Structures are given as structure tokens and as C-alpha cells.
C-alpha atoms as a PDB file:
ATOM      1  CA  MET A   1     -24.201 -13.825  -4.152  1.00  0.00           C
ATOM      2  CA  THR A   2     -20.808 -12.311  -3.355  1.00  0.00           C
ATOM      3  CA  ASP A   3     -19.823 -11.710   0.234  1.00  0.00           C
ATOM      4  CA  PHE A   4     -16.834  -9.600   1.247  1.00  0.00           C
ATOM      5  CA  HIS A   5     -15.514  -9.664   4.824  1.00  0.00           C
ATOM      6  CA  HIS A   6     -12.705  -7.430   6.105  1.00  0.00           C
ATOM      7  CA  PRO A   7     -12.191  -7.893   9.864  1.00  0.00           C
ATOM      8  CA  ALA A   8      -9.256  -6.600  11.913  1.00  0.00           C
ATOM      9  CA  LEU A   9      -7.770  -8.979  14.461  1.00  0.00           C
ATOM     10  CA  LEU A  10      -6.583  -7.159  17.604  1.00  0.00           C
ATOM     11  CA  TYR A  11      -3.898  -9.184  19.388  1.00  0.00           C
ATOM     12  CA  CYS A  12      -1.191  -8.578  21.991  1.00  0.00           C
ATOM     13  CA  ARG A  13       0.700 -11.899  22.338  1.00  0.00           C
ATOM     14  CA  ASP A  14       2.160 -14.409  19.895  1.00  0.00           C
ATOM     15  CA  ALA A  15      -0.177 -17.132  21.123  1.00  0.00           C
ATOM     16  CA  GLU A  16      -3.218 -14.914  20.562  1.00  0.00           C
ATOM     17  CA  TYR A  17      -1.928 -13.991  17.107  1.00  0.00           C
ATOM     18  CA  VAL A  18      -1.325 -17.582  16.048  1.00  0.00           C
ATOM     19  CA  ALA A  19      -4.661 -18.766  17.421  1.00  0.00           C
ATOM     20  CA  GLY A  20      -6.654 -16.045  15.680  1.00  0.00           C
ATOM     21  CA  VAL A  21      -4.925 -16.306  12.316  1.00  0.00           C
ATOM     22  CA  THR A  22      -4.782 -20.102  12.155  1.00  0.00           C
ATOM     23  CA  ALA A  23      -8.486 -20.379  13.017  1.00  0.00           C
ATOM     24  CA  PHE A  24      -9.261 -18.101  10.054  1.00  0.00           C
ATOM     25  CA  VAL A  25      -6.914 -20.045   7.766  1.00  0.00           C
ATOM     26  CA  ARG A  26      -8.108 -23.511   8.747  1.00  0.00           C
ATOM     27  CA  SER A  27     -11.740 -22.509   8.295  1.00  0.00           C
ATOM     28  CA  ALA A  28     -10.943 -21.219   4.794  1.00  0.00           C
ATOM     29  CA  VAL A  29      -9.022 -24.365   3.881  1.00  0.00           C
ATOM     30  CA  ASN A  30     -11.895 -26.528   5.131  1.00  0.00           C
ATOM     31  CA  ASP A  31     -14.182 -24.559   2.794  1.00  0.00           C
ATOM     32  CA  ASP A  32     -11.721 -25.250  -0.072  1.00  0.00           C
ATOM     33  CA  ASN A  33     -10.854 -21.564  -0.491  1.00  0.00           C
ATOM     34  CA  PRO A  34      -7.472 -20.494  -1.890  1.00  0.00           C
ATOM     35  CA  VAL A  35      -5.529 -18.919   1.005  1.00  0.00           C
ATOM     36  CA  LEU A  36      -2.722 -16.368   1.048  1.00  0.00           C
ATOM     37  CA  ILE A  37      -0.858 -15.292   4.183  1.00  0.00           C
ATOM     38  CA  ALA A  38       1.025 -12.015   3.652  1.00  0.00           C
ATOM     39  CA  VAL A  39       2.565 -10.867   6.935  1.00  0.00           C
ATOM     40  CA  PRO A  40       5.992  -9.473   7.944  1.00  0.00           C
ATOM     41  CA  GLY A  41       8.952 -11.833   8.426  1.00  0.00           C
ATOM     42  CA  ALA A  42       8.912 -12.909  12.080  1.00  0.00           C
ATOM     43  CA  ASN A  43       5.149 -13.402  12.065  1.00  0.00           C
ATOM     44  CA  LEU A  44       5.435 -15.317   8.818  1.00  0.00           C
ATOM     45  CA  ASP A  45       7.773 -17.790  10.546  1.00  0.00           C
ATOM     46  CA  LEU A  46       5.308 -18.246  13.409  1.00  0.00           C
ATOM     47  CA  LEU A  47       2.453 -19.055  11.046  1.00  0.00           C
ATOM     48  CA  ARG A  48       4.481 -21.352   8.814  1.00  0.00           C
ATOM     49  CA  ALA A  49       5.427 -23.391  11.875  1.00  0.00           C
ATOM     50  CA  ALA A  50       1.809 -23.564  13.058  1.00  0.00           C
ATOM     51  CA  LEU A  51       0.427 -24.619   9.662  1.00  0.00           C
ATOM     52  CA  THR A  52       2.951 -27.179   8.433  1.00  0.00           C
ATOM     53  CA  ASP A  53       0.241 -29.837   8.219  1.00  0.00           C
ATOM     54  CA  LEU A  54      -1.567 -27.875   5.488  1.00  0.00           C
ATOM     55  CA  GLY A  55       1.337 -28.263   3.061  1.00  0.00           C
ATOM     56  CA  ASP A  56       0.844 -26.403  -0.221  1.00  0.00           C
ATOM     57  CA  ARG A  57      -2.791 -25.525   0.465  1.00  0.00           C
ATOM     58  CA  VAL A  58      -1.638 -22.116   1.745  1.00  0.00           C
ATOM     59  CA  ASP A  59       0.508 -19.549  -0.093  1.00  0.00           C
ATOM     60  CA  PHE A  60       2.889 -17.357   1.909  1.00  0.00           C
ATOM     61  CA  ALA A  61       4.430 -13.940   1.217  1.00  0.00           C
ATOM     62  CA  ASP A  62       6.650 -11.697   3.329  1.00  0.00           C
ATOM     63  CA  MET A  63       4.702  -8.449   3.592  1.00  0.00           C
ATOM     64  CA  ALA A  64       7.897  -6.594   4.544  1.00  0.00           C
ATOM     65  CA  VAL A  65       9.067  -7.363   0.983  1.00  0.00           C
ATOM     66  CA  ALA A  66       5.911  -7.656  -1.130  1.00  0.00           C
ATOM     67  CA  GLY A  67       4.249  -4.766   0.711  1.00  0.00           C
ATOM     68  CA  ARG A  68       7.294  -2.652   1.499  1.00  0.00           C
ATOM     69  CA  ASN A  69       5.496   0.073  -0.425  1.00  0.00           C
ATOM     70  CA  PRO A  70       1.906   0.070   0.917  1.00  0.00           C
ATOM     71  CA  GLY A  71       0.654   1.279  -2.459  1.00  0.00           C
ATOM     72  CA  ARG A  72       1.805  -1.995  -3.988  1.00  0.00           C
ATOM     73  CA  ILE A  73      -0.270  -4.239  -1.717  1.00  0.00           C
ATOM     74  CA  LEU A  74      -3.664  -3.889  -3.408  1.00  0.00           C
ATOM     75  CA  PRO A  75      -2.609  -4.350  -7.052  1.00  0.00           C
ATOM     76  CA  SER A  76       0.323  -6.709  -6.623  1.00  0.00           C
ATOM     77  CA  VAL A  77      -0.639  -8.832  -3.613  1.00  0.00           C
ATOM     78  CA  LEU A  78      -4.367  -8.855  -2.825  1.00  0.00           C
ATOM     79  CA  LEU A  79      -6.012  -8.250  -6.200  1.00  0.00           C
ATOM     80  CA  ARG A  80      -3.409 -10.333  -8.008  1.00  0.00           C
ATOM     81  CA  PHE A  81      -4.118 -13.314  -5.750  1.00  0.00           C
ATOM     82  CA  ALA A  82      -7.860 -12.913  -6.309  1.00  0.00           C
ATOM     83  CA  ALA A  83      -7.310 -12.737 -10.085  1.00  0.00           C
ATOM     84  CA  GLU A  84      -5.313 -15.965  -9.976  1.00  0.00           C
ATOM     85  CA  HIS A  85      -8.403 -17.777  -8.653  1.00  0.00           C
ATOM     86  CA  PRO A  86     -11.336 -16.598 -10.795  1.00  0.00           C
ATOM     87  CA  GLY A  87     -14.751 -17.788  -9.737  1.00  0.00           C
ATOM     88  CA  ARG A  88     -13.588 -18.841  -6.266  1.00  0.00           C
ATOM     89  CA  ARG A  89     -13.826 -17.211  -2.875  1.00  0.00           C
ATOM     90  CA  VAL A  90     -10.339 -16.229  -1.688  1.00  0.00           C
ATOM     91  CA  SER A  91      -9.202 -15.831   1.910  1.00  0.00           C
ATOM     92  CA  ILE A  92      -6.228 -13.607   2.699  1.00  0.00           C
ATOM     93  CA  VAL A  93      -4.357 -12.664   5.849  1.00  0.00           C
ATOM     94  CA  GLY A  94      -2.778  -9.261   5.225  1.00  0.00           C
ATOM     95  CA  GLU A  95      -0.724  -7.450   7.878  1.00  0.00           C
ATOM     96  CA  PRO A  96       0.443  -4.145   6.340  1.00  0.00           C
ATOM     97  CA  ILE A  97       1.214  -2.273   9.585  1.00  0.00           C
ATOM     98  CA  TRP A  98       3.920  -3.198  12.069  1.00  0.00           C
ATOM     99  CA  ARG A  99       6.009  -1.383  14.657  1.00  0.00           C
ATOM    100  CA  ASP A 100       8.863  -0.411  12.297  1.00  0.00           C
ATOM    101  CA  ARG A 101       6.652   1.431   9.816  1.00  0.00           C
ATOM    102  CA  THR A 102       7.842   5.052   9.683  1.00  0.00           C
ATOM    103  CA  PRO A 103       5.662   8.154  10.169  1.00  0.00           C
ATOM    104  CA  MET A 104       6.025   8.831   6.436  1.00  0.00           C
ATOM    105  CA  GLU A 105       4.857   5.313   5.549  1.00  0.00           C
ATOM    106  CA  TYR A 106       1.970   5.027   7.978  1.00  0.00           C
ATOM    107  CA  PRO A 107      -0.592   7.265   6.204  1.00  0.00           C
ATOM    108  CA  ALA A 108      -0.153   5.193   3.042  1.00  0.00           C
ATOM    109  CA  CYS A 109      -0.819   2.062   5.114  1.00  0.00           C
ATOM    110  CA  ALA A 110      -3.967   3.514   6.672  1.00  0.00           C
ATOM    111  CA  VAL A 111      -5.253   4.703   3.295  1.00  0.00           C
ATOM    112  CA  HIS A 112      -4.598   1.223   1.910  1.00  0.00           C
ATOM    113  CA  GLU A 113      -6.658  -0.361   4.679  1.00  0.00           C
ATOM    114  CA  ALA A 114      -9.586   1.961   3.950  1.00  0.00           C
ATOM    115  CA  LEU A 115      -9.431   1.441   0.182  1.00  0.00           C
ATOM    116  CA  ILE A 116      -9.474  -2.354   0.471  1.00  0.00           C
ATOM    117  CA  ASN A 117     -13.186  -1.933   1.160  1.00  0.00           C
ATOM    118  CA  ALA A 118     -13.705  -0.007  -2.093  1.00  0.00           C
ATOM    119  CA  ALA A 119     -11.476  -2.225  -4.243  1.00  0.00           C
ATOM    120  CA  PHE A 120     -13.068  -5.477  -3.018  1.00  0.00           C
ATOM    121  CA  ALA A 121     -16.674  -4.282  -2.877  1.00  0.00           C
ATOM    122  CA  GLY A 122     -18.818  -6.915  -4.572  1.00  0.00           C
ATOM    123  CA  ARG A 123     -16.024  -9.519  -4.599  1.00  0.00           C
ATOM    124  CA  ASP A 124     -16.256 -12.916  -2.956  1.00  0.00           C
ATOM    125  CA  ALA A 125     -13.363 -12.651  -0.518  1.00  0.00           C
ATOM    126  CA  ALA A 126     -12.300 -12.429   3.119  1.00  0.00           C
ATOM    127  CA  ILE A 127      -9.277 -10.390   4.237  1.00  0.00           C
ATOM    128  CA  LEU A 128      -8.131 -10.613   7.853  1.00  0.00           C
ATOM    129  CA  CYS A 129      -5.835  -7.809   9.040  1.00  0.00           C
ATOM    130  CA  PRO A 130      -3.950  -8.406  12.319  1.00  0.00           C
ATOM    131  CA  TYR A 131      -3.004  -5.452  14.562  1.00  0.00           C
ATOM    132  CA  ASP A 132      -0.541  -5.787  17.450  1.00  0.00           C
ATOM    133  CA  VAL A 133      -2.104  -3.672  20.202  1.00  0.00           C
ATOM    134  CA  GLY A 134       0.959  -4.167  22.400  1.00  0.00           C
ATOM    135  CA  GLN A 135       3.388  -2.714  19.861  1.00  0.00           C
ATOM    136  CA  LEU A 136       1.407  -0.197  17.813  1.00  0.00           C
ATOM    137  CA  ASP A 137       0.487   3.324  18.870  1.00  0.00           C
ATOM    138  CA  PRO A 138      -3.087   3.630  20.191  1.00  0.00           C
ATOM    139  CA  SER A 139      -3.865   6.052  17.340  1.00  0.00           C
ATOM    140  CA  VAL A 140      -3.134   3.253  14.854  1.00  0.00           C
ATOM    141  CA  ILE A 141      -5.594   0.960  16.607  1.00  0.00           C
ATOM    142  CA  ALA A 142      -8.162   3.761  16.615  1.00  0.00           C
ATOM    143  CA  ASP A 143      -7.713   4.135  12.852  1.00  0.00           C
ATOM    144  CA  ALA A 144      -8.260   0.385  12.420  1.00  0.00           C
ATOM    145  CA  TRP A 145     -11.757   0.805  13.865  1.00  0.00           C
ATOM    146  CA  SER A 146     -12.409   3.311  11.046  1.00  0.00           C
ATOM    147  CA  THR A 147     -11.040   1.180   8.218  1.00  0.00           C
ATOM    148  CA  HIS A 148     -12.575  -2.211   9.093  1.00  0.00           C
ATOM    149  CA  PRO A 149     -16.305  -2.993   9.135  1.00  0.00           C
ATOM    150  CA  THR A 150     -15.808  -5.633  11.827  1.00  0.00           C
ATOM    151  CA  MET A 151     -13.263  -6.232  14.590  1.00  0.00           C
ATOM    152  CA  ILE A 152     -12.095  -9.331  16.425  1.00  0.00           C
ATOM    153  CA  GLU A 153     -11.301  -8.343  20.004  1.00  0.00           C
ATOM    154  CA  ASP A 154     -10.773 -10.835  22.853  1.00  0.00           C
ATOM    155  CA  GLY A 155     -11.835 -13.580  20.471  1.00  0.00           C
ATOM    156  CA  ALA A 156     -15.228 -12.015  19.725  1.00  0.00           C
ATOM    157  CA  LEU A 157     -16.339 -10.624  16.342  1.00  0.00           C
ATOM    158  CA  ARG A 158     -18.200  -7.325  16.596  1.00  0.00           C
ATOM    159  CA  ASP A 159     -19.260  -4.523  14.279  1.00  0.00           C
ATOM    160  CA  SER A 160     -17.020  -1.469  14.254  1.00  0.00           C
ATOM    161  CA  HIS A 161     -18.792   1.583  15.637  1.00  0.00           C
ATOM    162  CA  ARG A 162     -16.458   3.912  13.710  1.00  0.00           C
ATOM    163  CA  TYR A 163     -16.534   2.344  10.246  1.00  0.00           C
ATOM    164  CA  ALA A 164     -17.851   4.699   7.538  1.00  0.00           C
ATOM    165  CA  ASP A 165     -17.584   5.316   3.800  1.00  0.00           C
ATOM    166  CA  PRO A 166     -14.140   3.971   2.803  1.00  0.00           C
ATOM    167  CA  VAL A 167     -13.340   6.686   0.267  1.00  0.00           C
ATOM    168  CA  ALA A 168     -14.142   9.451   2.748  1.00  0.00           C
ATOM    169  CA  THR A 169     -12.147   7.636   5.420  1.00  0.00           C
ATOM    170  CA  ALA A 170      -9.165   7.271   3.082  1.00  0.00           C
ATOM    171  CA  ALA A 171      -9.265  10.986   2.318  1.00  0.00           C
ATOM    172  CA  ALA A 172      -9.350  11.836   6.017  1.00  0.00           C
ATOM    173  CA  LEU A 173      -6.391   9.541   6.763  1.00  0.00           C
ATOM    174  CA  ASN A 174      -4.289  10.809   3.847  1.00  0.00           C
ATOM    175  CA  ARG A 175      -2.319  13.516   5.622  1.00  0.00           C
ATOM    176  CA  PRO A 176      -0.576  16.289   3.650  1.00  0.00           C
ATOM    177  CA  ILE A 177       2.988  15.421   2.674  1.00  0.00           C
ATOM    178  CA  PRO A 178       5.674  17.485   4.430  1.00  0.00           C
ATOM    179  CA  PRO A 179       7.625  19.885   2.183  1.00  0.00           C
ATOM    180  CA  PRO A 180      11.132  18.940   1.053  1.00  0.00           C
ATOM    181  CA  PRO A 181      14.187  20.326   2.850  1.00  0.00           C
ATOM    182  CA  ALA A 182      14.819  23.972   2.031  1.00  0.00           C
ATOM    183  CA  GLU A 183      18.355  23.200   0.846  1.00  0.00           C
ATOM    184  CA  ALA A 184      17.321  20.413  -1.561  1.00  0.00           C
ATOM    185  CA  GLU A 185      17.835  20.954  -5.290  1.00  0.00           C
ATOM    186  CA  SER A 186      14.733  21.452  -7.439  1.00  0.00           C
ATOM    187  CA  LEU A 187      13.862  21.538 -11.127  1.00  0.00           C
ATOM    188  CA  VAL A 188      10.845  23.225 -12.715  1.00  0.00           C
ATOM    189  CA  TYR A 189       9.564  21.419 -15.818  1.00  0.00           C
ATOM    190  CA  GLU A 190       6.789  21.738 -18.385  1.00  0.00           C
ATOM    191  CA  LYS A 191       5.803  20.182 -21.744  1.00  0.00           C
ATOM    192  CA  THR A 192       8.489  17.475 -21.593  1.00  0.00           C
ATOM    193  CA  VAL A 193       9.813  14.965 -19.077  1.00  0.00           C
ATOM    194  CA  ALA A 194      13.302  14.671 -20.600  1.00  0.00           C
ATOM    195  CA  ALA A 195      14.774  17.202 -18.187  1.00  0.00           C
ATOM    196  CA  VAL A 196      13.195  15.363 -15.239  1.00  0.00           C
ATOM    197  CA  ARG A 197      14.840  12.111 -16.307  1.00  0.00           C
ATOM    198  CA  CYS A 198      18.253  13.753 -16.529  1.00  0.00           C
ATOM    199  CA  PHE A 199      17.829  15.567 -13.216  1.00  0.00           C
ATOM    200  CA  VAL A 200      16.723  12.480 -11.283  1.00  0.00           C
ATOM    201  CA  ARG A 201      19.332  10.260 -12.958  1.00  0.00           C
ATOM    202  CA  ARG A 202      22.132  12.625 -11.954  1.00  0.00           C
ATOM    203  CA  HIS A 203      21.121  12.439  -8.293  1.00  0.00           C
ATOM    204  CA  ALA A 204      20.155   8.774  -8.220  1.00  0.00           C
ATOM    205  CA  ALA A 205      23.362   7.577  -9.888  1.00  0.00           C
ATOM    206  CA  ALA A 206      25.385   8.984  -7.008  1.00  0.00           C
ATOM    207  CA  HIS A 207      23.493   6.984  -4.370  1.00  0.00           C
ATOM    208  CA  LEU A 208      21.984   3.856  -5.947  1.00  0.00           C
ATOM    209  CA  PRO A 209      23.160   0.876  -8.009  1.00  0.00           C
ATOM    210  CA  GLU A 210      22.524   1.434 -11.704  1.00  0.00           C
ATOM    211  CA  ASP A 211      19.452  -0.782 -11.945  1.00  0.00           C
ATOM    212  CA  ARG A 212      17.759   0.803  -8.930  1.00  0.00           C
ATOM    213  CA  ALA A 213      18.700   4.277 -10.127  1.00  0.00           C
ATOM    214  CA  GLU A 214      17.014   3.590 -13.460  1.00  0.00           C
ATOM    215  CA  GLU A 215      13.914   2.303 -11.665  1.00  0.00           C
ATOM    216  CA  LEU A 216      13.647   5.621  -9.843  1.00  0.00           C
ATOM    217  CA  VAL A 217      14.184   7.515 -13.100  1.00  0.00           C
ATOM    218  CA  LEU A 218      11.348   5.570 -14.742  1.00  0.00           C
ATOM    219  CA  ALA A 219       9.021   6.138 -11.783  1.00  0.00           C
ATOM    220  CA  ALA A 220       9.824   9.861 -11.757  1.00  0.00           C
ATOM    221  CA  SER A 221       9.198   9.999 -15.491  1.00  0.00           C
ATOM    222  CA  GLU A 222       5.724   8.484 -15.025  1.00  0.00           C
ATOM    223  CA  VAL A 223       4.811  11.042 -12.366  1.00  0.00           C
ATOM    224  CA  ALA A 224       6.138  13.945 -14.454  1.00  0.00           C
ATOM    225  CA  ALA A 225       4.242  12.649 -17.493  1.00  0.00           C
ATOM    226  CA  ASN A 226       0.993  13.012 -15.550  1.00  0.00           C
ATOM    227  CA  THR A 227       1.839  16.667 -14.938  1.00  0.00           C
ATOM    228  CA  VAL A 228       2.572  17.265 -18.612  1.00  0.00           C
ATOM    229  CA  GLU A 229      -0.535  15.430 -19.825  1.00  0.00           C
ATOM    230  CA  HIS A 230      -3.133  16.452 -17.259  1.00  0.00           C
ATOM    231  CA  THR A 231      -2.266  19.979 -16.093  1.00  0.00           C
ATOM    232  CA  SER A 232      -1.969  23.293 -17.852  1.00  0.00           C
ATOM    233  CA  GLY A 233       0.829  24.545 -15.623  1.00  0.00           C
ATOM    234  CA  ARG A 234       4.312  23.568 -14.657  1.00  0.00           C
ATOM    235  CA  GLY A 235       5.590  20.991 -12.248  1.00  0.00           C
ATOM    236  CA  ARG A 236       8.443  20.997  -9.768  1.00  0.00           C
ATOM    237  CA  VAL A 237      10.589  18.028  -8.760  1.00  0.00           C
ATOM    238  CA  THR A 238      12.928  18.107  -5.760  1.00  0.00           C
ATOM    239  CA  VAL A 239      15.485  15.409  -4.939  1.00  0.00           C
ATOM    240  CA  TRP A 240      17.451  14.822  -1.736  1.00  0.00           C
ATOM    241  CA  THR A 241      18.783  12.037   0.439  1.00  0.00           C
ATOM    242  CA  GLU A 242      17.846  10.914   3.933  1.00  0.00           C
ATOM    243  CA  PRO A 243      19.464   8.160   5.979  1.00  0.00           C
ATOM    244  CA  GLY A 244      18.985   4.994   3.973  1.00  0.00           C
ATOM    245  CA  LEU A 245      16.992   6.451   1.090  1.00  0.00           C
ATOM    246  CA  ILE A 246      16.747   8.927  -1.770  1.00  0.00           C
ATOM    247  CA  ALA A 247      13.546  10.966  -2.118  1.00  0.00           C
ATOM    248  CA  CYS A 248      11.833  12.601  -5.110  1.00  0.00           C
ATOM    249  CA  HIS A 249       9.106  15.131  -4.356  1.00  0.00           C
ATOM    250  CA  PHE A 250       6.719  16.361  -7.089  1.00  0.00           C
ATOM    251  CA  GLU A 251       4.298  19.277  -6.987  1.00  0.00           C
ATOM    252  CA  ASP A 252       1.875  20.435  -9.674  1.00  0.00           C
ATOM    253  CA  SER A 253      -1.487  22.159 -10.068  1.00  0.00           C
ATOM    254  CA  GLY A 254      -3.465  19.043 -11.012  1.00  0.00           C
ATOM    255  CA  HIS A 255      -6.195  17.362  -8.996  1.00  0.00           C
ATOM    256  CA  LEU A 256      -6.239  13.568  -8.891  1.00  0.00           C
ATOM    257  CA  THR A 257      -9.857  12.608  -8.190  1.00  0.00           C
ATOM    258  CA  ASP A 258      -9.712   8.796  -8.382  1.00  0.00           C
ATOM    259  CA  PRO A 259      -8.874   7.450  -4.889  1.00  0.00           C
ATOM    260  CA  LEU A 260      -7.863   4.084  -6.362  1.00  0.00           C
ATOM    261  CA  ALA A 261      -5.412   5.541  -8.902  1.00  0.00           C
ATOM    262  CA  GLY A 262      -2.231   3.478  -8.794  1.00  0.00           C
ATOM    263  CA  ARG A 263      -3.836   0.816  -6.590  1.00  0.00           C
ATOM    264  CA  VAL A 264      -6.014  -0.993  -9.150  1.00  0.00           C
ATOM    265  CA  ALA A 265      -4.315  -2.035 -12.379  1.00  0.00           C
ATOM    266  CA  PRO A 266      -6.172  -1.353 -15.653  1.00  0.00           C
ATOM    267  CA  ALA A 267      -7.098  -4.337 -17.783  1.00  0.00           C
ATOM    268  CA  ASP A 268      -4.369  -3.465 -20.309  1.00  0.00           C
ATOM    269  CA  ILE A 269      -1.000  -1.804 -19.633  1.00  0.00           C
ATOM    270  CA  ARG A 270      -1.677   0.531 -22.578  1.00  0.00           C
ATOM    271  CA  HIS A 271      -4.668   2.007 -20.775  1.00  0.00           C
ATOM    272  CA  ARG A 272      -4.516   5.252 -18.848  1.00  0.00           C
ATOM    273  CA  GLY A 273      -3.779   4.705 -15.181  1.00  0.00           C
ATOM    274  CA  TYR A 274      -1.038   2.121 -15.556  1.00  0.00           C
ATOM    275  CA  GLY A 275       1.725   4.695 -14.935  1.00  0.00           C
ATOM    276  CA  LEU A 276       0.956   5.084 -11.220  1.00  0.00           C
ATOM    277  CA  VAL A 277       0.645   1.305 -10.811  1.00  0.00           C
ATOM    278  CA  LEU A 278       4.108   0.990 -12.351  1.00  0.00           C
ATOM    279  CA  THR A 279       5.392   3.739 -10.058  1.00  0.00           C
ATOM    280  CA  ASN A 280       4.167   1.793  -7.036  1.00  0.00           C
ATOM    281  CA  GLU A 281       5.942  -1.312  -8.342  1.00  0.00           C
ATOM    282  CA  LEU A 282       9.233   0.518  -8.784  1.00  0.00           C
ATOM    283  CA  CYS A 283       9.425   2.447  -5.504  1.00  0.00           C
ATOM    284  CA  ASP A 284       9.741   1.538  -1.831  1.00  0.00           C
ATOM    285  CA  LEU A 285       7.199   4.208  -0.900  1.00  0.00           C
ATOM    286  CA  VAL A 286       4.756   6.300  -2.903  1.00  0.00           C
ATOM    287  CA  ARG A 287       2.736   8.964  -1.109  1.00  0.00           C
ATOM    288  CA  ILE A 288       0.098  10.931  -3.046  1.00  0.00           C
ATOM    289  CA  HIS A 289      -1.887  13.848  -1.644  1.00  0.00           C
ATOM    290  CA  SER A 290      -4.268  15.682  -3.944  1.00  0.00           C
ATOM    291  CA  SER A 291      -6.819  18.482  -3.574  1.00  0.00           C
ATOM    292  CA  PRO A 292      -8.339  21.132  -5.863  1.00  0.00           C
ATOM    293  CA  SER A 293      -5.315  23.313  -5.099  1.00  0.00           C
ATOM    294  CA  GLY A 294      -2.796  20.796  -6.439  1.00  0.00           C
ATOM    295  CA  THR A 295      -1.135  17.407  -6.145  1.00  0.00           C
ATOM    296  CA  THR A 296       1.982  16.330  -4.258  1.00  0.00           C
ATOM    297  CA  VAL A 297       3.724  13.009  -4.870  1.00  0.00           C
ATOM    298  CA  ARG A 298       6.630  11.670  -2.802  1.00  0.00           C
ATOM    299  CA  LEU A 299       8.766   8.748  -4.047  1.00  0.00           C
ATOM    300  CA  HIS A 300      11.298   6.903  -1.875  1.00  0.00           C
ATOM    301  CA  LYS A 301      13.932   4.463  -3.048  1.00  0.00           C
ATOM    302  CA  LEU A 302      15.955   2.665  -0.385  1.00  0.00           C
ATOM    303  CA  ARG A 303      19.712   2.882  -0.686  1.00  0.00           C
END
């Protein structure tokens, strides 16, 4: 019988962090489970130093790189690791939220934490998510009680009194995306994505290296293709720069009803749904907010 566990570890000091995570890891290794630790840089160094005796029995990934875009964590980190070990229980430490996450990034992180429960339902896995209560805003910790069925607080495991249906929780945490700057340049498109490619390429080429510019063009093309294929109206794309990044903002009349769209890869890249997975791979942030009145998508590419 499969058994999925998704606790949050609340910690406030390095020693508490290392003790809680290494206890989880050593227990998993003793049970002969494949283990992945995906946490941001400085914490990764702490855990590597504390687990040197385990050698290659633990895989490590820098979440600040692999999970820079929160929408990439489920398909490219967590589910990929599980797929690499078919028929075995996997144990993962995933820390997607840290102090330097921006207000634009945070809702995507919170939605990710909620949707882990839907994506891993019925799977034989354990995913431990550490939260630094000394560095994170209290509202972030409050959200963790909503997105995790169990919590580890002061060394004790307890049920979360706020945990509820993960899809409903994800929808509640997915805040509307702010509108683009009034002075930003926009393009209205319909029936074809060729004009979108040219428009985004013109802006991206002025601010990004050629390879990264073309990645943004491809991601924008995938988003625009969804408008053309799945809506009867027109779409609008707006492009502008902010300190350190270039942003593409899409609006159309469609309604995206699958909460896991872009976060669970289809079995074959030719299948419908791969475009948003690819978009998550190509961008440093993807925010999607959809309702019956329309869909907004925000893409960020760091400069």
C-alpha cells in the first residue's frame, strides 16, 4: 500500500535545521530509500557537511538553481526524482521558500506546496519541507499550516489544524497577477503566434544574451499558442523591464481549469500540456492566474 507523507519542518536556528533534516535523511537511508536534498545554497552546504559519512547514498541539488522558478520544482525536481526510482519509496527534502523570494515569486511557491499533495497522492514518497520561522514572514508560516498535512514543531510531529483540500488551497493562495506598467508596450494577437515571436524577440534581444532571448521567445510562443488554440478571442502580450529582469505579461479570455497544468509532464512531449511544462523550464518565473473571466500569465527572465 502506498503511503505519502508531506510534513513541514519549522526551525529557527541552524542547529535545529540540521538536526531535523538529518534525522529525516538518516532514517530514509536506513530504510534503503533513495534520498534527494534540494535546498538553497547556504543550507545545502550545511547539510553536505553534516552528511559526509553517507557518501553517494544521498543526491543533492541547489534549490536556488533547480527551483529558481517554483513551477519547475514539481516536474523537474520532485517527480523526476521519483520517476528515476520506479517501484521504490523516495524521500525528498525540498525547501522552495527562503527569505530572498520576492512578493511576485511567493504565490507560485505557496501554490507549489499545496499542489505537491495532489501530484503525489497515491505515491509512495515522503517530502520534508523546512521553513525558517526566524527569517520568513509570519504569513508564510501560516500558509505552511494550510499546505502541509502534518507539521514538525519543537521536534514534535502533529497534524495541521488548517490543512484542507489541496486544489482549493492552491486556488486560494494563487493571488491575481498585478497589471503591467501603463507605459509598457503591448501587442494584440489572434490566429497566429508569429507576431508574438517577433515582438518578444525585439524586446528580449536588447536586454538578454541571444540564447536566453530565444528561450523567452519560445516560452512566449507556447503561451500565445494556447490562446490561439483554446480561445475564440484575441490575446494581448505586454513586455517591459524591471531591475534585473525582463517580463512578458499575457492576457486572454480562456479559462485554464487544470490546477496541475505545467507542473506535471505528460507521458509524451507530443501530448497536449507539454507547452506549459516547457515554459516553466525556460523561464525564471511563471505565474498563472485563471478564472472564468480570463487567464493571465506572467513570464520573467533574469538579465
